[in-house]
Amino acid sequence: MTREERKKEIRIKRTRDFILAARKLMKEGSFEEISVRKIADIVGMHNSTIYLYFPDADRLLTIASVSEFLEYNEQLEELSMSTRDVYDIFYRVWGSSCLCSFRKADIFYNFFYGKYSDDLTDIMKEYYELFPEENKKHSEYLENMYFGKNIKERCLELMKPLVDMPHTKVTEENIKLINDVIVYSFRGFLYKAKTEPSIPAESLATDFVRILHMLVDE
């Protein structure tokens, strides 16, 4: 192994270590109480070392948040292999996404609406390059959605196949408007899940899917 290869290997290992430390803290307590100091303490390094691997703590935490998609990602893989039509898949993906997000609302509010919320394609790719064993196989349709650069693009990719379907009112002319309403509604529900954690995620997810039916179905 050359010196450069060794340096690259060390960099990958330390990057993974910081992400694993952030993941550990996410599971143990409040997302908003996670600090650079706490992450560095777990890894056994000085606080400033983190900035050799990440531009800031927000980037590190956003990348680490991808780990919370694991169950959702597995469900996407199952749907990718199913023979269900896109209409059914649309609602199943949204239902799964809502449960995933509302159960960890503080994490996903930051992920979808935080500092790096318009850079999600690179965030996702960076995470799966470091943890390839967690990535799953998707159909092209769901892959495009899952790796969308922001929540708006992800939602739009998911809805595109519904254009001009007989039992929907989605058209080329109104799809962006419907998508905007969905995105704004999702943000409101996610904020509610974040600020009112006593409300069951299942209840919020059911209500949100009902709104989807009102917006999408003929």
N, C-alpha and C. Protein backbone atom coordinates (compact mmCIF):
# COMPACT_ATOMS: atom_id res chain seq x y z
N MET A 1 0.84 -1.20 0.00
CA MET A 1 0.00 0.00 0.00
C MET A 1 0.88 1.25 0.00
N THR A 2 0.59 2.16 -0.93
CA THR A 2 1.37 3.39 -1.01
C THR A 2 1.00 4.33 0.13
N ARG A 3 1.81 5.36 0.31
CA ARG A 3 1.55 6.35 1.36
C ARG A 3 0.22 7.06 1.13
N GLU A 4 -0.06 7.39 -0.14
CA GLU A 4 -1.31 8.08 -0.46
C GLU A 4 -2.52 7.19 -0.19
N GLU A 5 -2.39 5.91 -0.53
CA GLU A 5 -3.47 4.96 -0.27
C GLU A 5 -3.72 4.81 1.23
N ARG A 6 -2.65 4.80 1.98
CA ARG A 6 -2.77 4.70 3.44
C ARG A 6 -3.45 5.93 4.01
N LYS A 7 -3.09 7.11 3.52
CA LYS A 7 -3.71 8.36 3.98
C LYS A 7 -5.20 8.36 3.67
N LYS A 8 -5.55 7.88 2.48
CA LYS A 8 -6.95 7.82 2.08
C LYS A 8 -7.73 6.86 2.98
N GLU A 9 -7.11 5.73 3.29
CA GLU A 9 -7.76 4.73 4.15
C GLU A 9 -8.01 5.30 5.54
N ILE A 10 -7.02 6.02 6.07
CA ILE A 10 -7.17 6.64 7.39
C ILE A 10 -8.28 7.69 7.38
N ARG A 11 -8.32 8.48 6.30
CA ARG A 11 -9.34 9.52 6.20
C ARG A 11 -10.74 8.91 6.17
N ILE A 12 -10.91 7.84 5.41
CA ILE A 12 -12.22 7.18 5.33
C ILE A 12 -12.61 6.63 6.70
N LYS A 13 -11.67 6.00 7.38
CA LYS A 13 -11.96 5.43 8.70
C LYS A 13 -12.37 6.52 9.70
N ARG A 14 -11.65 7.62 9.71
CA ARG A 14 -11.97 8.68 10.67
C ARG A 14 -13.29 9.36 10.33
N THR A 15 -13.55 9.51 9.05
CA THR A 15 -14.84 10.08 8.64
C THR A 15 -15.98 9.19 9.12
N ARG A 16 -15.82 7.89 8.92
CA ARG A 16 -16.83 6.93 9.40
C ARG A 16 -16.97 7.00 10.92
N ASP A 17 -15.85 7.11 11.61
CA ASP A 17 -15.88 7.15 13.08
C ASP A 17 -16.69 8.35 13.57
N PHE A 18 -16.51 9.50 12.95
CA PHE A 18 -17.27 10.69 13.35
C PHE A 18 -18.76 10.50 13.08
N ILE A 19 -19.08 9.91 11.95
CA ILE A 19 -20.49 9.68 11.61
C ILE A 19 -21.11 8.66 12.58
N LEU A 20 -20.38 7.61 12.88
CA LEU A 20 -20.89 6.60 13.82
C LEU A 20 -21.10 7.20 15.21
N ALA A 21 -20.22 8.11 15.60
CA ALA A 21 -20.39 8.78 16.90
C ALA A 21 -21.64 9.65 16.90
N ALA A 22 -21.85 10.37 15.80
CA ALA A 22 -23.06 11.21 15.68
C ALA A 22 -24.31 10.34 15.70
N ARG A 23 -24.26 9.21 15.01
CA ARG A 23 -25.39 8.28 15.00
C ARG A 23 -25.70 7.78 16.42
N LYS A 24 -24.66 7.47 17.16
CA LYS A 24 -24.84 6.98 18.54
C LYS A 24 -25.55 8.04 19.39
N LEU A 25 -25.14 9.28 19.26
CA LEU A 25 -25.76 10.37 20.03
C LEU A 25 -27.20 10.61 19.60
N MET A 26 -27.48 10.44 18.32
CA MET A 26 -28.85 10.59 17.82
C MET A 26 -29.79 9.59 18.49
N LYS A 27 -29.30 8.39 18.68
CA LYS A 27 -30.14 7.34 19.25
C LYS A 27 -30.28 7.47 20.77
N GLU A 28 -29.33 8.14 21.39
CA GLU A 28 -29.31 8.21 22.85
C GLU A 28 -30.05 9.40 23.45
N GLY A 29 -30.20 10.48 22.68
CA GLY A 29 -30.81 11.66 23.27
C GLY A 29 -31.34 12.63 22.25
N SER A 30 -31.48 13.88 22.67
CA SER A 30 -32.05 14.92 21.82
C SER A 30 -31.09 15.30 20.70
N PHE A 31 -31.62 15.36 19.49
CA PHE A 31 -30.83 15.74 18.33
C PHE A 31 -30.25 17.14 18.51
N GLU A 32 -31.04 18.03 19.06
CA GLU A 32 -30.62 19.43 19.20
C GLU A 32 -29.55 19.63 20.26
N GLU A 33 -29.32 18.62 21.09
CA GLU A 33 -28.29 18.73 22.13
C GLU A 33 -26.95 18.13 21.70
N ILE A 34 -26.90 17.59 20.49
CA ILE A 34 -25.64 17.02 19.99
C ILE A 34 -24.67 18.15 19.69
N SER A 35 -23.44 17.99 20.14
CA SER A 35 -22.42 19.02 19.93
C SER A 35 -21.15 18.40 19.35
N VAL A 36 -20.32 19.26 18.77
CA VAL A 36 -19.03 18.82 18.25
C VAL A 36 -18.20 18.19 19.37
N ARG A 37 -18.25 18.78 20.54
CA ARG A 37 -17.47 18.27 21.67
C ARG A 37 -17.88 16.84 22.03
N LYS A 38 -19.20 16.59 22.08
CA LYS A 38 -19.69 15.26 22.42
C LYS A 38 -19.27 14.23 21.37
N ILE A 39 -19.33 14.62 20.11
CA ILE A 39 -18.93 13.71 19.03
C ILE A 39 -17.44 13.41 19.13
N ALA A 40 -16.64 14.47 19.31
CA ALA A 40 -15.19 14.30 19.40
C ALA A 40 -14.80 13.45 20.60
N ASP A 41 -15.50 13.60 21.71
CA ASP A 41 -15.20 12.82 22.91
C ASP A 41 -15.37 11.33 22.66
N ILE A 42 -16.42 10.97 21.93
CA ILE A 42 -16.66 9.55 21.63
C ILE A 42 -15.55 8.99 20.76
N VAL A 43 -15.12 9.78 19.78
CA VAL A 43 -14.08 9.32 18.85
C VAL A 43 -12.70 9.35 19.51
N GLY A 44 -12.56 10.19 20.54
CA GLY A 44 -11.28 10.30 21.22
C GLY A 44 -10.33 11.27 20.55
N MET A 45 -10.89 12.32 19.98
CA MET A 45 -10.08 13.33 19.30
C MET A 45 -10.49 14.72 19.75
N HIS A 46 -9.64 15.69 19.42
CA HIS A 46 -9.94 17.08 19.77
C HIS A 46 -11.07 17.61 18.88
N ASN A 47 -11.85 18.54 19.43
CA ASN A 47 -12.97 19.12 18.68
C ASN A 47 -12.58 19.58 17.29
N SER A 48 -11.45 20.27 17.20
CA SER A 48 -11.05 20.88 15.94
C SER A 48 -10.77 19.87 14.84
N THR A 49 -10.49 18.62 15.21
CA THR A 49 -10.18 17.59 14.21
C THR A 49 -11.35 17.35 13.28
N ILE A 50 -12.56 17.50 13.79
CA ILE A 50 -13.76 17.27 12.97
C ILE A 50 -13.75 18.15 11.73
N TYR A 51 -13.22 19.36 11.86
CA TYR A 51 -13.26 20.31 10.74
C TYR A 51 -12.25 19.98 9.64
N LEU A 52 -11.43 18.98 9.87
CA LEU A 52 -10.56 18.47 8.81
C LEU A 52 -11.34 17.53 7.89
N TYR A 53 -12.51 17.08 8.36
CA TYR A 53 -13.30 16.10 7.61
C TYR A 53 -14.66 16.63 7.18
N PHE A 54 -15.17 17.62 7.88
CA PHE A 54 -16.48 18.21 7.57
C PHE A 54 -16.38 19.73 7.69
N PRO A 55 -17.07 20.47 6.81
CA PRO A 55 -17.01 21.94 6.89
C PRO A 55 -17.61 22.49 8.17
N ASP A 56 -18.61 21.77 8.72
CA ASP A 56 -19.24 22.20 9.97
C ASP A 56 -20.04 21.03 10.55
N ALA A 57 -20.53 21.24 11.76
CA ALA A 57 -21.30 20.19 12.44
C ALA A 57 -22.60 19.88 11.71
N ASP A 58 -23.19 20.88 11.08
CA ASP A 58 -24.45 20.67 10.35
C ASP A 58 -24.28 19.63 9.25
N ARG A 59 -23.18 19.73 8.52
CA ARG A 59 -22.93 18.77 7.44
C ARG A 59 -22.77 17.35 8.01
N LEU A 60 -22.00 17.24 9.05
CA LEU A 60 -21.80 15.94 9.69
C LEU A 60 -23.12 15.34 10.15
N LEU A 61 -23.94 16.13 10.82
CA LEU A 61 -25.20 15.62 11.35
C LEU A 61 -26.18 15.28 10.23
N THR A 62 -26.17 16.05 9.16
CA THR A 62 -27.06 15.76 8.03
C THR A 62 -26.67 14.45 7.37
N ILE A 63 -25.37 14.24 7.19
CA ILE A 63 -24.90 12.98 6.61
C ILE A 63 -25.26 11.81 7.54
N ALA A 64 -25.01 11.97 8.82
CA ALA A 64 -25.31 10.91 9.78
C ALA A 64 -26.80 10.58 9.82
N SER A 65 -27.64 11.56 9.52
CA SER A 65 -29.09 11.36 9.56
C SER A 65 -29.57 10.34 8.54
N VAL A 66 -28.79 10.13 7.48
CA VAL A 66 -29.19 9.16 6.45
C VAL A 66 -29.35 7.77 7.05
N SER A 67 -28.64 7.49 8.13
CA SER A 67 -28.74 6.18 8.77
C SER A 67 -30.16 5.88 9.24
N GLU A 68 -30.93 6.94 9.52
CA GLU A 68 -32.30 6.75 10.01
C GLU A 68 -33.27 6.35 8.90
N PHE A 69 -32.78 6.34 7.67
CA PHE A 69 -33.61 5.91 6.54
C PHE A 69 -33.59 4.39 6.33
N LEU A 70 -32.85 3.66 7.14
CA LEU A 70 -32.59 2.25 6.84
C LEU A 70 -33.86 1.43 6.61
N GLU A 71 -34.81 1.49 7.53
CA GLU A 71 -36.04 0.71 7.39
C GLU A 71 -36.84 1.19 6.17
N TYR A 72 -36.93 2.49 6.00
CA TYR A 72 -37.62 3.07 4.84
C TYR A 72 -36.95 2.63 3.54
N ASN A 73 -35.63 2.62 3.53
CA ASN A 73 -34.89 2.21 2.34
C ASN A 73 -35.15 0.75 2.00
N GLU A 74 -35.26 -0.08 3.02
CA GLU A 74 -35.58 -1.50 2.81
C GLU A 74 -36.98 -1.65 2.21
N GLN A 75 -37.91 -0.81 2.65
CA GLN A 75 -39.27 -0.86 2.10
C GLN A 75 -39.29 -0.39 0.64
N LEU A 76 -38.44 0.57 0.31
CA LEU A 76 -38.33 1.01 -1.08
C LEU A 76 -37.81 -0.13 -1.96
N GLU A 77 -36.87 -0.89 -1.42
CA GLU A 77 -36.33 -2.02 -2.17
C GLU A 77 -37.44 -3.06 -2.44
N GLU A 78 -38.25 -3.32 -1.43
CA GLU A 78 -39.35 -4.27 -1.59
C GLU A 78 -40.35 -3.78 -2.64
N LEU A 79 -40.68 -2.49 -2.58
CA LEU A 79 -41.62 -1.92 -3.56
C LEU A 79 -41.02 -1.93 -4.96
N SER A 80 -39.71 -1.78 -5.05
CA SER A 80 -39.05 -1.80 -6.36
C SER A 80 -39.18 -3.16 -7.03
N MET A 81 -39.28 -4.21 -6.23
CA MET A 81 -39.38 -5.56 -6.77
C MET A 81 -40.83 -6.03 -6.92
N SER A 82 -41.77 -5.21 -6.47
CA SER A 82 -43.17 -5.61 -6.51
C SER A 82 -43.79 -5.34 -7.88
N THR A 83 -44.97 -5.88 -8.09
CA THR A 83 -45.69 -5.67 -9.35
C THR A 83 -46.83 -4.66 -9.17
N ARG A 84 -46.80 -3.92 -8.09
CA ARG A 84 -47.84 -2.92 -7.83
C ARG A 84 -47.75 -1.80 -8.86
N ASP A 85 -48.89 -1.16 -9.13
CA ASP A 85 -48.85 -0.04 -10.07
C ASP A 85 -48.34 1.21 -9.37
N VAL A 86 -47.97 2.22 -10.17
CA VAL A 86 -47.32 3.41 -9.61
C VAL A 86 -48.25 4.19 -8.68
N TYR A 87 -49.54 4.11 -8.92
CA TYR A 87 -50.50 4.80 -8.05
C TYR A 87 -50.41 4.22 -6.63
N ASP A 88 -50.42 2.91 -6.54
CA ASP A 88 -50.31 2.24 -5.24
C ASP A 88 -48.96 2.53 -4.60
N ILE A 89 -47.90 2.45 -5.41
CA ILE A 89 -46.56 2.70 -4.89
C ILE A 89 -46.44 4.13 -4.35
N PHE A 90 -47.03 5.09 -5.06
CA PHE A 90 -46.99 6.49 -4.63
C PHE A 90 -47.48 6.63 -3.18
N TYR A 91 -48.63 6.04 -2.90
CA TYR A 91 -49.19 6.17 -1.55
C TYR A 91 -48.44 5.34 -0.52
N ARG A 92 -47.94 4.19 -0.92
CA ARG A 92 -47.17 3.37 0.02
C ARG A 92 -45.85 4.04 0.39
N VAL A 93 -45.20 4.65 -0.59
CA VAL A 93 -43.95 5.36 -0.32
C VAL A 93 -44.20 6.53 0.62
N TRP A 94 -45.26 7.28 0.34
CA TRP A 94 -45.57 8.42 1.20
C TRP A 94 -45.91 7.96 2.63
N GLY A 95 -46.68 6.89 2.74
CA GLY A 95 -47.03 6.39 4.07
C GLY A 95 -45.80 5.98 4.86
N SER A 96 -44.89 5.28 4.19
CA SER A 96 -43.66 4.84 4.83
C SER A 96 -42.77 6.03 5.18
N SER A 97 -42.69 6.98 4.26
CA SER A 97 -41.87 8.18 4.48
C SER A 97 -42.37 8.98 5.67
N CYS A 98 -43.69 9.12 5.78
CA CYS A 98 -44.27 9.87 6.90
C CYS A 98 -43.95 9.21 8.23
N LEU A 99 -44.14 7.91 8.32
CA LEU A 99 -43.85 7.21 9.57
C LEU A 99 -42.38 7.36 9.95
N CYS A 100 -41.51 7.18 8.98
CA CYS A 100 -40.07 7.31 9.20
C CYS A 100 -39.74 8.71 9.71
N SER A 101 -40.27 9.72 9.04
CA SER A 101 -39.94 11.11 9.37
C SER A 101 -40.58 11.58 10.67
N PHE A 102 -41.85 11.26 10.87
CA PHE A 102 -42.56 11.76 12.05
C PHE A 102 -42.06 11.11 13.34
N ARG A 103 -41.54 9.89 13.24
CA ARG A 103 -41.01 9.22 14.43
C ARG A 103 -39.69 9.84 14.91
N LYS A 104 -38.96 10.44 14.00
CA LYS A 104 -37.70 11.12 14.32
C LYS A 104 -37.75 12.54 13.76
N ALA A 105 -38.78 13.26 14.15
CA ALA A 105 -39.09 14.55 13.51
C ALA A 105 -37.97 15.58 13.66
N ASP A 106 -37.29 15.60 14.80
CA ASP A 106 -36.22 16.58 14.97
C ASP A 106 -35.09 16.33 13.98
N ILE A 107 -34.77 15.06 13.75
CA ILE A 107 -33.71 14.70 12.80
C ILE A 107 -34.13 15.05 11.38
N PHE A 108 -35.34 14.67 11.00
CA PHE A 108 -35.75 14.85 9.61
C PHE A 108 -36.18 16.27 9.28
N TYR A 109 -36.58 17.04 10.28
CA TYR A 109 -36.86 18.45 9.99
C TYR A 109 -35.56 19.15 9.60
N ASN A 110 -34.50 18.82 10.31
CA ASN A 110 -33.19 19.38 9.95
C ASN A 110 -32.73 18.85 8.58
N PHE A 111 -32.98 17.57 8.32
CA PHE A 111 -32.53 16.96 7.07
C PHE A 111 -33.22 17.60 5.87
N PHE A 112 -34.54 17.73 5.93
CA PHE A 112 -35.30 18.24 4.78
C PHE A 112 -35.39 19.76 4.71
N TYR A 113 -35.19 20.44 5.84
CA TYR A 113 -35.39 21.90 5.84
C TYR A 113 -34.25 22.66 6.51
N GLY A 114 -33.14 21.99 6.76
CA GLY A 114 -32.00 22.63 7.41
C GLY A 114 -31.00 23.22 6.42
N LYS A 115 -29.80 23.48 6.90
CA LYS A 115 -28.77 24.18 6.14
C LYS A 115 -28.41 23.47 4.84
N TYR A 116 -28.39 22.14 4.85
CA TYR A 116 -27.97 21.38 3.67
C TYR A 116 -29.13 20.70 2.96
N SER A 117 -30.32 21.22 3.16
CA SER A 117 -31.52 20.59 2.60
C SER A 117 -31.63 20.69 1.08
N ASP A 118 -30.78 21.51 0.45
CA ASP A 118 -30.79 21.61 -1.00
C ASP A 118 -29.60 20.87 -1.62
N ASP A 119 -28.96 20.06 -0.82
CA ASP A 119 -27.77 19.33 -1.26
C ASP A 119 -27.88 17.85 -0.92
N LEU A 120 -29.10 17.34 -0.93
CA LEU A 120 -29.34 15.99 -0.43
C LEU A 120 -28.76 14.90 -1.33
N THR A 121 -28.67 15.14 -2.63
CA THR A 121 -28.08 14.13 -3.52
C THR A 121 -26.65 13.83 -3.09
N ASP A 122 -25.86 14.87 -2.90
CA ASP A 122 -24.47 14.68 -2.49
C ASP A 122 -24.37 14.12 -1.08
N ILE A 123 -25.28 14.55 -0.21
CA ILE A 123 -25.30 14.03 1.17
C ILE A 123 -25.53 12.52 1.15
N MET A 124 -26.53 12.09 0.40
CA MET A 124 -26.88 10.67 0.33
C MET A 124 -25.73 9.86 -0.28
N LYS A 125 -25.17 10.36 -1.37
CA LYS A 125 -24.08 9.64 -2.04
C LYS A 125 -22.86 9.52 -1.14
N GLU A 126 -22.56 10.60 -0.43
CA GLU A 126 -21.41 10.57 0.48
C GLU A 126 -21.61 9.53 1.58
N TYR A 127 -22.82 9.46 2.12
CA TYR A 127 -23.09 8.49 3.17
C TYR A 127 -22.94 7.06 2.65
N TYR A 128 -23.53 6.78 1.50
CA TYR A 128 -23.50 5.40 1.00
C TYR A 128 -22.15 4.99 0.43
N GLU A 129 -21.31 5.96 0.10
CA GLU A 129 -19.94 5.62 -0.26
C GLU A 129 -19.17 5.14 0.97
N LEU A 130 -19.53 5.68 2.12
CA LEU A 130 -18.88 5.29 3.37
C LEU A 130 -19.51 4.05 3.99
N PHE A 131 -20.82 3.86 3.75
CA PHE A 131 -21.55 2.72 4.31
C PHE A 131 -22.32 2.00 3.19
N PRO A 132 -21.61 1.43 2.22
CA PRO A 132 -22.28 0.81 1.07
C PRO A 132 -23.17 -0.36 1.44
N GLU A 133 -22.89 -0.99 2.57
CA GLU A 133 -23.68 -2.15 3.00
C GLU A 133 -25.11 -1.75 3.37
N GLU A 134 -25.35 -0.48 3.61
CA GLU A 134 -26.69 -0.01 3.98
C GLU A 134 -27.52 0.41 2.78
N ASN A 135 -26.88 0.55 1.62
CA ASN A 135 -27.64 0.95 0.44
C ASN A 135 -28.43 -0.24 -0.10
N LYS A 136 -29.53 0.05 -0.76
CA LYS A 136 -30.40 -1.00 -1.29
C LYS A 136 -30.61 -0.80 -2.79
N LYS A 137 -31.14 -1.82 -3.42
CA LYS A 137 -31.41 -1.73 -4.86
C LYS A 137 -32.83 -1.20 -5.09
N HIS A 138 -32.93 -0.20 -5.95
CA HIS A 138 -34.23 0.40 -6.25
C HIS A 138 -34.50 0.36 -7.74
N SER A 139 -35.77 0.46 -8.08
CA SER A 139 -36.12 0.69 -9.48
C SER A 139 -35.63 2.08 -9.85
N GLU A 140 -35.51 2.34 -11.15
CA GLU A 140 -35.06 3.67 -11.59
C GLU A 140 -35.99 4.76 -11.06
N TYR A 141 -37.27 4.46 -11.05
CA TYR A 141 -38.28 5.41 -10.56
C TYR A 141 -38.02 5.81 -9.12
N LEU A 142 -37.85 4.82 -8.24
CA LEU A 142 -37.65 5.11 -6.82
C LEU A 142 -36.23 5.60 -6.53
N GLU A 143 -35.28 5.19 -7.34
CA GLU A 143 -33.91 5.68 -7.19
C GLU A 143 -33.85 7.19 -7.44
N ASN A 144 -34.52 7.63 -8.51
CA ASN A 144 -34.54 9.06 -8.83
C ASN A 144 -35.18 9.87 -7.70
N MET A 145 -36.22 9.31 -7.11
CA MET A 145 -36.87 9.99 -6.00
C MET A 145 -35.95 10.03 -4.77
N TYR A 146 -35.40 8.89 -4.42
CA TYR A 146 -34.63 8.75 -3.18
C TYR A 146 -33.39 9.64 -3.16
N PHE A 147 -32.80 9.83 -4.33
CA PHE A 147 -31.58 10.64 -4.40
C PHE A 147 -31.84 12.05 -4.94
N GLY A 148 -33.08 12.51 -4.87
CA GLY A 148 -33.40 13.87 -5.27
C GLY A 148 -32.65 14.89 -4.42
N LYS A 149 -32.37 16.05 -4.99
CA LYS A 149 -31.50 17.01 -4.31
C LYS A 149 -32.17 17.73 -3.14
N ASN A 150 -33.50 17.73 -3.09
CA ASN A 150 -34.22 18.37 -1.99
C ASN A 150 -35.60 17.74 -1.89
N ILE A 151 -36.35 18.11 -0.87
CA ILE A 151 -37.66 17.51 -0.64
C ILE A 151 -38.61 17.79 -1.80
N LYS A 152 -38.51 18.97 -2.39
CA LYS A 152 -39.39 19.34 -3.50
C LYS A 152 -39.14 18.45 -4.71
N GLU A 153 -37.88 18.22 -5.03
CA GLU A 153 -37.54 17.38 -6.18
C GLU A 153 -37.91 15.92 -5.91
N ARG A 154 -37.68 15.46 -4.70
CA ARG A 154 -38.02 14.08 -4.35
C ARG A 154 -39.52 13.83 -4.52
N CYS A 155 -40.33 14.77 -4.03
CA CYS A 155 -41.78 14.63 -4.14
C CYS A 155 -42.24 14.68 -5.59
N LEU A 156 -41.63 15.56 -6.36
CA LEU A 156 -42.01 15.69 -7.77
C LEU A 156 -41.70 14.42 -8.54
N GLU A 157 -40.53 13.85 -8.31
CA GLU A 157 -40.15 12.60 -8.99
C GLU A 157 -41.13 11.48 -8.66
N LEU A 158 -41.59 11.45 -7.43
CA LEU A 158 -42.52 10.40 -7.02
C LEU A 158 -43.88 10.56 -7.69
N MET A 159 -44.27 11.80 -7.96
CA MET A 159 -45.61 12.06 -8.51
C MET A 159 -45.66 12.04 -10.03
N LYS A 160 -44.53 12.20 -10.71
CA LYS A 160 -44.52 12.31 -12.17
C LYS A 160 -45.29 11.20 -12.89
N PRO A 161 -45.16 9.93 -12.49
CA PRO A 161 -45.88 8.87 -13.21
C PRO A 161 -47.40 8.95 -13.09
N LEU A 162 -47.89 9.78 -12.17
CA LEU A 162 -49.34 9.90 -12.00
C LEU A 162 -49.98 10.86 -13.00
N VAL A 163 -49.16 11.58 -13.75
CA VAL A 163 -49.68 12.55 -14.72
C VAL A 163 -50.61 11.87 -15.71
N ASP A 164 -51.83 12.42 -15.79
CA ASP A 164 -52.85 11.96 -16.75
C ASP A 164 -53.33 10.53 -16.51
N MET A 165 -53.08 9.97 -15.34
CA MET A 165 -53.68 8.67 -15.02
C MET A 165 -55.18 8.87 -14.84
N PRO A 166 -56.00 7.91 -15.22
CA PRO A 166 -57.46 8.08 -15.21
C PRO A 166 -58.05 8.46 -13.86
N HIS A 167 -57.52 7.93 -12.76
CA HIS A 167 -58.12 8.17 -11.46
C HIS A 167 -57.38 9.24 -10.65
N THR A 168 -56.57 10.07 -11.32
CA THR A 168 -55.94 11.20 -10.64
C THR A 168 -56.26 12.49 -11.40
N LYS A 169 -56.07 13.61 -10.72
CA LYS A 169 -56.27 14.90 -11.39
C LYS A 169 -54.93 15.59 -11.66
N VAL A 170 -53.85 14.81 -11.63
CA VAL A 170 -52.51 15.35 -11.87
C VAL A 170 -52.28 15.47 -13.38
N THR A 171 -51.91 16.67 -13.81
CA THR A 171 -51.62 16.92 -15.23
C THR A 171 -50.27 17.63 -15.33
N GLU A 172 -49.78 17.74 -16.56
CA GLU A 172 -48.54 18.48 -16.78
C GLU A 172 -48.68 19.93 -16.33
N GLU A 173 -49.90 20.45 -16.45
CA GLU A 173 -50.14 21.86 -16.13
C GLU A 173 -50.19 22.12 -14.62
N ASN A 174 -50.68 21.15 -13.85
CA ASN A 174 -50.87 21.44 -12.42
C ASN A 174 -49.94 20.67 -11.48
N ILE A 175 -49.07 19.81 -12.02
CA ILE A 175 -48.26 18.95 -11.15
C ILE A 175 -47.35 19.75 -10.22
N LYS A 176 -46.78 20.84 -10.70
CA LYS A 176 -45.87 21.62 -9.85
C LYS A 176 -46.63 22.32 -8.72
N LEU A 177 -47.83 22.78 -9.04
CA LEU A 177 -48.65 23.43 -8.01
C LEU A 177 -49.07 22.43 -6.95
N ILE A 178 -49.54 21.25 -7.39
CA ILE A 178 -49.92 20.20 -6.43
C ILE A 178 -48.71 19.81 -5.59
N ASN A 179 -47.57 19.69 -6.24
CA ASN A 179 -46.36 19.32 -5.52
C ASN A 179 -45.98 20.35 -4.46
N ASP A 180 -46.12 21.63 -4.81
CA ASP A 180 -45.82 22.68 -3.84
C ASP A 180 -46.72 22.57 -2.60
N VAL A 181 -48.00 22.31 -2.83
CA VAL A 181 -48.94 22.18 -1.72
C VAL A 181 -48.57 20.98 -0.84
N ILE A 182 -48.18 19.88 -1.48
CA ILE A 182 -47.77 18.69 -0.74
C ILE A 182 -46.54 18.98 0.11
N VAL A 183 -45.56 19.63 -0.50
CA VAL A 183 -44.31 19.94 0.22
C VAL A 183 -44.58 20.86 1.41
N TYR A 184 -45.39 21.89 1.21
CA TYR A 184 -45.70 22.81 2.31
C TYR A 184 -46.48 22.09 3.42
N SER A 185 -47.39 21.21 3.01
CA SER A 185 -48.17 20.46 4.00
C SER A 185 -47.28 19.52 4.80
N PHE A 186 -46.36 18.86 4.09
CA PHE A 186 -45.45 17.94 4.76
C PHE A 186 -44.59 18.68 5.79
N ARG A 187 -44.13 19.86 5.42
CA ARG A 187 -43.32 20.64 6.37
C ARG A 187 -44.13 20.97 7.62
N GLY A 188 -45.39 21.34 7.42
CA GLY A 188 -46.24 21.65 8.56
C GLY A 188 -46.46 20.45 9.47
N PHE A 189 -46.70 19.29 8.87
CA PHE A 189 -46.91 18.07 9.65
C PHE A 189 -45.62 17.67 10.38
N LEU A 190 -44.50 17.80 9.69
CA LEU A 190 -43.22 17.44 10.31
C LEU A 190 -42.89 18.37 11.48
N TYR A 191 -43.21 19.63 11.32
CA TYR A 191 -43.00 20.59 12.41
C TYR A 191 -43.91 20.26 13.60
N LYS A 192 -45.13 19.87 13.28
CA LYS A 192 -46.06 19.48 14.35
C LYS A 192 -45.54 18.26 15.09
N ALA A 193 -45.03 17.29 14.35
CA ALA A 193 -44.47 16.09 14.98
C ALA A 193 -43.26 16.45 15.84
N LYS A 194 -42.50 17.44 15.41
CA LYS A 194 -41.31 17.87 16.14
C LYS A 194 -41.66 18.61 17.42
N THR A 195 -42.66 19.47 17.35
CA THR A 195 -43.00 20.33 18.50
C THR A 195 -44.06 19.73 19.42
N GLU A 196 -44.78 18.72 18.92
CA GLU A 196 -45.80 18.06 19.73
C GLU A 196 -45.58 16.54 19.70
N PRO A 197 -44.49 16.08 20.30
CA PRO A 197 -44.12 14.66 20.22
C PRO A 197 -45.12 13.70 20.84
N SER A 198 -46.08 14.22 21.60
CA SER A 198 -47.08 13.34 22.21
C SER A 198 -48.08 12.81 21.17
N ILE A 199 -48.16 13.47 20.02
CA ILE A 199 -49.07 13.01 18.96
C ILE A 199 -48.43 11.81 18.27
N PRO A 200 -49.13 10.67 18.20
CA PRO A 200 -48.55 9.48 17.57
C PRO A 200 -48.20 9.72 16.10
N ALA A 201 -47.05 9.23 15.69
CA ALA A 201 -46.62 9.37 14.30
C ALA A 201 -47.62 8.72 13.35
N GLU A 202 -48.21 7.61 13.80
CA GLU A 202 -49.18 6.90 12.97
C GLU A 202 -50.40 7.76 12.68
N SER A 203 -50.84 8.52 13.67
CA SER A 203 -52.00 9.39 13.50
C SER A 203 -51.69 10.51 12.51
N LEU A 204 -50.53 11.12 12.65
CA LEU A 204 -50.13 12.19 11.72
C LEU A 204 -49.97 11.65 10.31
N ALA A 205 -49.39 10.46 10.18
CA ALA A 205 -49.19 9.87 8.85
C ALA A 205 -50.52 9.58 8.18
N THR A 206 -51.48 9.07 8.94
CA THR A 206 -52.81 8.79 8.39
C THR A 206 -53.47 10.07 7.90
N ASP A 207 -53.38 11.12 8.69
CA ASP A 207 -53.99 12.40 8.30
C ASP A 207 -53.31 12.98 7.06
N PHE A 208 -52.00 12.85 7.00
CA PHE A 208 -51.29 13.40 5.84
C PHE A 208 -51.66 12.65 4.56
N VAL A 209 -51.75 11.34 4.64
CA VAL A 209 -52.12 10.56 3.44
C VAL A 209 -53.54 10.90 2.99
N ARG A 210 -54.41 11.20 3.93
CA ARG A 210 -55.77 11.64 3.56
C ARG A 210 -55.71 12.94 2.75
N ILE A 211 -54.85 13.84 3.16
CA ILE A 211 -54.68 15.09 2.42
C ILE A 211 -54.14 14.80 1.02
N LEU A 212 -53.21 13.86 0.92
CA LEU A 212 -52.70 13.47 -0.40
C LEU A 212 -53.82 13.02 -1.31
N HIS A 213 -54.70 12.18 -0.79
CA HIS A 213 -55.82 11.70 -1.60
C HIS A 213 -56.70 12.86 -2.06
N MET A 214 -56.91 13.83 -1.21
CA MET A 214 -57.72 14.99 -1.58
C MET A 214 -57.06 15.79 -2.69
N LEU A 215 -55.74 15.88 -2.65
CA LEU A 215 -55.01 16.68 -3.64
C LEU A 215 -54.82 15.95 -4.96
N VAL A 216 -54.67 14.64 -4.90
CA VAL A 216 -54.25 13.87 -6.08
C VAL A 216 -55.40 13.15 -6.78
N ASP A 217 -56.32 12.58 -6.02
CA ASP A 217 -57.35 11.72 -6.62
C ASP A 217 -58.43 12.52 -7.33
N GLU A 218 -58.94 11.93 -8.39
CA GLU A 218 -60.04 12.55 -9.15
C GLU A 218 -61.33 12.47 -8.36
